[in-house]
Structure formats: C-alpha cells, structure tokens
Amino acid sequence: MRGFGLTIEPLGDGAVRVALRGELDLEHAYTFDEEMRRVEDARPPCLVLDLRGLTFLDSSGLGRLLAANGRARRERRRLLLVRGGAAVQRLLAITAVGHYFEIVSEVPAELRAPVGLAGQAH
C-alpha cells in the first residue's frame, strides 16, 4: 500500500486514539505531524498512537513519533504506542529508541471508547 492515512477516535477518560495506516515516511511525516498537533491542541490527557496499520516507517516518520513523544512529556500527557508490525518494530529496535516510548500490544481496556462512538477518518 502506498500512501498514508489516519483515523482519529475518542476514547474513554478524554483520551484520543490516532490509528495510522500505510507508510509513515518522508513524504507523509509532516502531514502526520500537522494532524497530531491538531489533536494535541484539544489537550487530551492521553494519546494512543496505534501503529498496527503501518506497513512502513522510515527515519522521518520515526523523528515525528519522537517529536510527538517529546511534546507529550513537556505537556505531561501520556503517550502510548500500540505495537506495530515487524517492519515498524524492527526500526524501533535497530535505532534503539523503543525505550523512549510506552509501548503496548493493544489499546488498554480502561481507555476503549464506549460503543457507538465513530472515528473521524483523514
């Protein structure tokens, strides 16, 4: 799959899930960053970046994930990464930056959106 997309979904306790799909690379890194800043402007207490739909992540995309993590730390916001596929996890391991993130296997049960809340696709 070429291209990039994301879906923004409200979760419980004011948290927001941003589900990424496709390729987070140089071509799409700053589109992702712009969307993240829009989400961050609402000051959610927790952001969940769901990487399961990513098919590719390069250093530009990784840089934007690190930037989002830095902003979250400065603003005292919890940022979770939902573990991506093999290619994504390999880049996190090779670059030794995985320890900078709180990585989970799925969206924590206490944050899952109530039934009936629809996401907003971009």
C-alpha atoms as a PDB file:
ATOM      1  CA  MET A   1       0.000   0.000   0.000  1.00  0.00           C
ATOM      2  CA  ARG A   2       1.383   3.390  -0.959  1.00  0.00           C
ATOM      3  CA  GLY A   3       0.209   6.446   0.831  1.00  0.00           C
ATOM      4  CA  PHE A   4      -0.693   7.318   4.346  1.00  0.00           C
ATOM      5  CA  GLY A   5      -3.856   7.813   6.339  1.00  0.00           C
ATOM      6  CA  LEU A   6      -5.015   8.114   9.881  1.00  0.00           C
ATOM      7  CA  THR A   7      -8.197   7.816  11.874  1.00  0.00           C
ATOM      8  CA  ILE A   8      -8.885   9.842  14.991  1.00  0.00           C
ATOM      9  CA  GLU A   9     -11.120   8.207  17.594  1.00  0.00           C
ATOM     10  CA  PRO A  10     -12.195   9.476  21.025  1.00  0.00           C
ATOM     11  CA  LEU A  11     -11.575   7.038  23.851  1.00  0.00           C
ATOM     12  CA  GLY A  12     -12.662   6.889  27.462  1.00  0.00           C
ATOM     13  CA  ASP A  13     -11.460   9.415  30.043  1.00  0.00           C
ATOM     14  CA  GLY A  14     -10.795  12.039  27.353  1.00  0.00           C
ATOM     15  CA  ALA A  15      -8.061  10.029  25.656  1.00  0.00           C
ATOM     16  CA  VAL A  16      -7.708  10.003  21.868  1.00  0.00           C
ATOM     17  CA  ARG A  17      -6.605   7.152  19.588  1.00  0.00           C
ATOM     18  CA  VAL A  18      -4.820   8.027  16.358  1.00  0.00           C
ATOM     19  CA  ALA A  19      -4.674   4.927  14.154  1.00  0.00           C
ATOM     20  CA  LEU A  20      -2.026   5.155  11.438  1.00  0.00           C
ATOM     21  CA  ARG A  21      -2.106   3.186   8.204  1.00  0.00           C
ATOM     22  CA  GLY A  22       0.141   2.899   5.191  1.00  0.00           C
ATOM     23  CA  GLU A  23       3.591   4.445   5.030  1.00  0.00           C
ATOM     24  CA  LEU A  24       4.879   6.991   7.522  1.00  0.00           C
ATOM     25  CA  ASP A  25       7.849   8.206   5.518  1.00  0.00           C
ATOM     26  CA  LEU A  26       9.439  11.465   4.379  1.00  0.00           C
ATOM     27  CA  GLU A  27       6.531  12.148   2.020  1.00  0.00           C
ATOM     28  CA  HIS A  28       3.930  11.830   4.796  1.00  0.00           C
ATOM     29  CA  ALA A  29       5.799  12.667   8.026  1.00  0.00           C
ATOM     30  CA  TYR A  30       4.772  16.306   8.178  1.00  0.00           C
ATOM     31  CA  THR A  31       1.145  15.565   7.296  1.00  0.00           C
ATOM     32  CA  PHE A  32       1.165  13.267  10.324  1.00  0.00           C
ATOM     33  CA  ASP A  33       2.812  15.984  12.420  1.00  0.00           C
ATOM     34  CA  GLU A  34       0.174  18.567  11.431  1.00  0.00           C
ATOM     35  CA  GLU A  35      -2.651  16.178  12.334  1.00  0.00           C
ATOM     36  CA  MET A  36      -1.001  15.321  15.648  1.00  0.00           C
ATOM     37  CA  ARG A  37      -0.704  18.993  16.556  1.00  0.00           C
ATOM     38  CA  ARG A  38      -4.418  19.476  15.817  1.00  0.00           C
ATOM     39  CA  VAL A  39      -5.240  16.587  18.150  1.00  0.00           C
ATOM     40  CA  GLU A  40      -2.819  17.902  20.791  1.00  0.00           C
ATOM     41  CA  ASP A  41      -4.452  21.351  20.662  1.00  0.00           C
ATOM     42  CA  ALA A  42      -7.503  19.804  22.373  1.00  0.00           C
ATOM     43  CA  ARG A  43      -5.207  18.880  25.314  1.00  0.00           C
ATOM     44  CA  PRO A  44      -6.253  15.237  25.745  1.00  0.00           C
ATOM     45  CA  PRO A  45      -4.734  13.660  28.866  1.00  0.00           C
ATOM     46  CA  CYS A  46      -3.626  10.604  26.879  1.00  0.00           C
ATOM     47  CA  LEU A  47      -2.817   9.965  23.213  1.00  0.00           C
ATOM     48  CA  VAL A  48      -2.732   6.440  21.835  1.00  0.00           C
ATOM     49  CA  LEU A  49      -0.814   6.117  18.571  1.00  0.00           C
ATOM     50  CA  ASP A  50      -1.909   2.847  17.017  1.00  0.00           C
ATOM     51  CA  LEU A  51       0.856   1.635  14.691  1.00  0.00           C
ATOM     52  CA  ARG A  52      -0.741  -1.705  13.739  1.00  0.00           C
ATOM     53  CA  GLY A  53      -1.833  -0.406  10.330  1.00  0.00           C
ATOM     54  CA  LEU A  54       1.575   0.947   9.331  1.00  0.00           C
ATOM     55  CA  THR A  55       3.283  -1.009   6.574  1.00  0.00           C
ATOM     56  CA  PHE A  56       6.437   1.120   6.553  1.00  0.00           C
ATOM     57  CA  LEU A  57       8.212   3.547   8.867  1.00  0.00           C
ATOM     58  CA  ASP A  58      11.403   5.414   7.955  1.00  0.00           C
ATOM     59  CA  SER A  59      13.650   7.762   9.907  1.00  0.00           C
ATOM     60  CA  SER A  60      11.479  10.789   9.031  1.00  0.00           C
ATOM     61  CA  GLY A  61       8.390   9.113  10.429  1.00  0.00           C
ATOM     62  CA  LEU A  62      10.324   7.937  13.462  1.00  0.00           C
ATOM     63  CA  GLY A  63      11.510  11.502  14.001  1.00  0.00           C
ATOM     64  CA  ARG A  64       7.896  12.720  14.055  1.00  0.00           C
ATOM     65  CA  LEU A  65       6.969   9.994  16.582  1.00  0.00           C
ATOM     66  CA  LEU A  66       9.864  11.110  18.779  1.00  0.00           C
ATOM     67  CA  ALA A  67       8.793  14.754  18.413  1.00  0.00           C
ATOM     68  CA  ALA A  68       5.224  13.866  19.457  1.00  0.00           C
ATOM     69  CA  ASN A  69       6.635  11.980  22.428  1.00  0.00           C
ATOM     70  CA  GLY A  70       8.753  14.990  23.410  1.00  0.00           C
ATOM     71  CA  ARG A  71       5.747  17.310  23.247  1.00  0.00           C
ATOM     72  CA  ALA A  72       3.726  14.850  25.336  1.00  0.00           C
ATOM     73  CA  ARG A  73       6.422  14.754  28.014  1.00  0.00           C
ATOM     74  CA  ARG A  74       6.686  18.553  28.127  1.00  0.00           C
ATOM     75  CA  GLU A  75       2.910  18.872  28.427  1.00  0.00           C
ATOM     76  CA  ARG A  76       2.689  15.999  30.941  1.00  0.00           C
ATOM     77  CA  ARG A  77       0.475  13.982  28.609  1.00  0.00           C
ATOM     78  CA  ARG A  78       0.620  10.211  28.473  1.00  0.00           C
ATOM     79  CA  LEU A  79       1.541   8.900  25.015  1.00  0.00           C
ATOM     80  CA  LEU A  80       1.142   5.217  24.235  1.00  0.00           C
ATOM     81  CA  LEU A  81       2.271   3.402  21.104  1.00  0.00           C
ATOM     82  CA  VAL A  82       0.292   0.320  20.127  1.00  0.00           C
ATOM     83  CA  ARG A  83       2.908  -2.082  18.805  1.00  0.00           C
ATOM     84  CA  GLY A  84       3.220  -2.097  15.014  1.00  0.00           C
ATOM     85  CA  GLY A  85       4.106  -4.878  12.623  1.00  0.00           C
ATOM     86  CA  ALA A  86       7.511  -6.468  12.148  1.00  0.00           C
ATOM     87  CA  ALA A  87       8.952  -3.679   9.956  1.00  0.00           C
ATOM     88  CA  VAL A  88       7.947  -0.982  12.443  1.00  0.00           C
ATOM     89  CA  GLN A  89       9.221  -2.888  15.459  1.00  0.00           C
ATOM     90  CA  ARG A  90      12.476  -3.675  13.642  1.00  0.00           C
ATOM     91  CA  LEU A  91      13.155   0.045  13.073  1.00  0.00           C
ATOM     92  CA  LEU A  92      12.453   0.811  16.736  1.00  0.00           C
ATOM     93  CA  ALA A  93      14.870  -1.972  17.738  1.00  0.00           C
ATOM     94  CA  ILE A  94      17.628  -1.065  15.254  1.00  0.00           C
ATOM     95  CA  THR A  95      17.568   2.594  16.265  1.00  0.00           C
ATOM     96  CA  ALA A  96      17.363   1.726  19.979  1.00  0.00           C
ATOM     97  CA  VAL A  97      14.635   4.309  20.602  1.00  0.00           C
ATOM     98  CA  GLY A  98      11.899   1.921  21.678  1.00  0.00           C
ATOM     99  CA  HIS A  99      12.710   2.537  25.341  1.00  0.00           C
ATOM    100  CA  TYR A 100      11.698   6.213  24.930  1.00  0.00           C
ATOM    101  CA  PHE A 101       8.090   5.133  24.366  1.00  0.00           C
ATOM    102  CA  GLU A 102       5.443   3.399  26.411  1.00  0.00           C
ATOM    103  CA  ILE A 103       4.591   0.519  24.055  1.00  0.00           C
ATOM    104  CA  VAL A 104       1.531  -1.695  24.499  1.00  0.00           C
ATOM    105  CA  SER A 105       0.098  -4.592  22.485  1.00  0.00           C
ATOM    106  CA  GLU A 106      -3.393  -3.101  22.270  1.00  0.00           C
ATOM    107  CA  VAL A 107      -5.416  -0.147  23.449  1.00  0.00           C
ATOM    108  CA  PRO A 108      -5.782  -0.555  27.217  1.00  0.00           C
ATOM    109  CA  ALA A 109      -9.268  -1.716  28.237  1.00  0.00           C
ATOM    110  CA  GLU A 110      -9.806   1.273  30.536  1.00  0.00           C
ATOM    111  CA  LEU A 111      -9.411   3.638  27.571  1.00  0.00           C
ATOM    112  CA  ARG A 112     -11.535   1.872  24.977  1.00  0.00           C
ATOM    113  CA  ALA A 113     -14.274   4.079  23.564  1.00  0.00           C
ATOM    114  CA  PRO A 114     -17.862   3.426  24.559  1.00  0.00           C
ATOM    115  CA  VAL A 115     -19.802   1.511  21.895  1.00  0.00           C
ATOM    116  CA  GLY A 116     -21.242   3.778  19.223  1.00  0.00           C
ATOM    117  CA  LEU A 117     -18.510   6.433  19.048  1.00  0.00           C
ATOM    118  CA  ALA A 118     -17.322   6.654  15.477  1.00  0.00           C
ATOM    119  CA  GLY A 119     -13.847   7.742  14.435  1.00  0.00           C
ATOM    120  CA  GLN A 120     -13.038  10.542  12.062  1.00  0.00           C
ATOM    121  CA  ALA A 121     -11.076   9.408   9.020  1.00  0.00           C
ATOM    122  CA  HIS A 122      -8.477  11.612   7.348  1.00  0.00           C
END
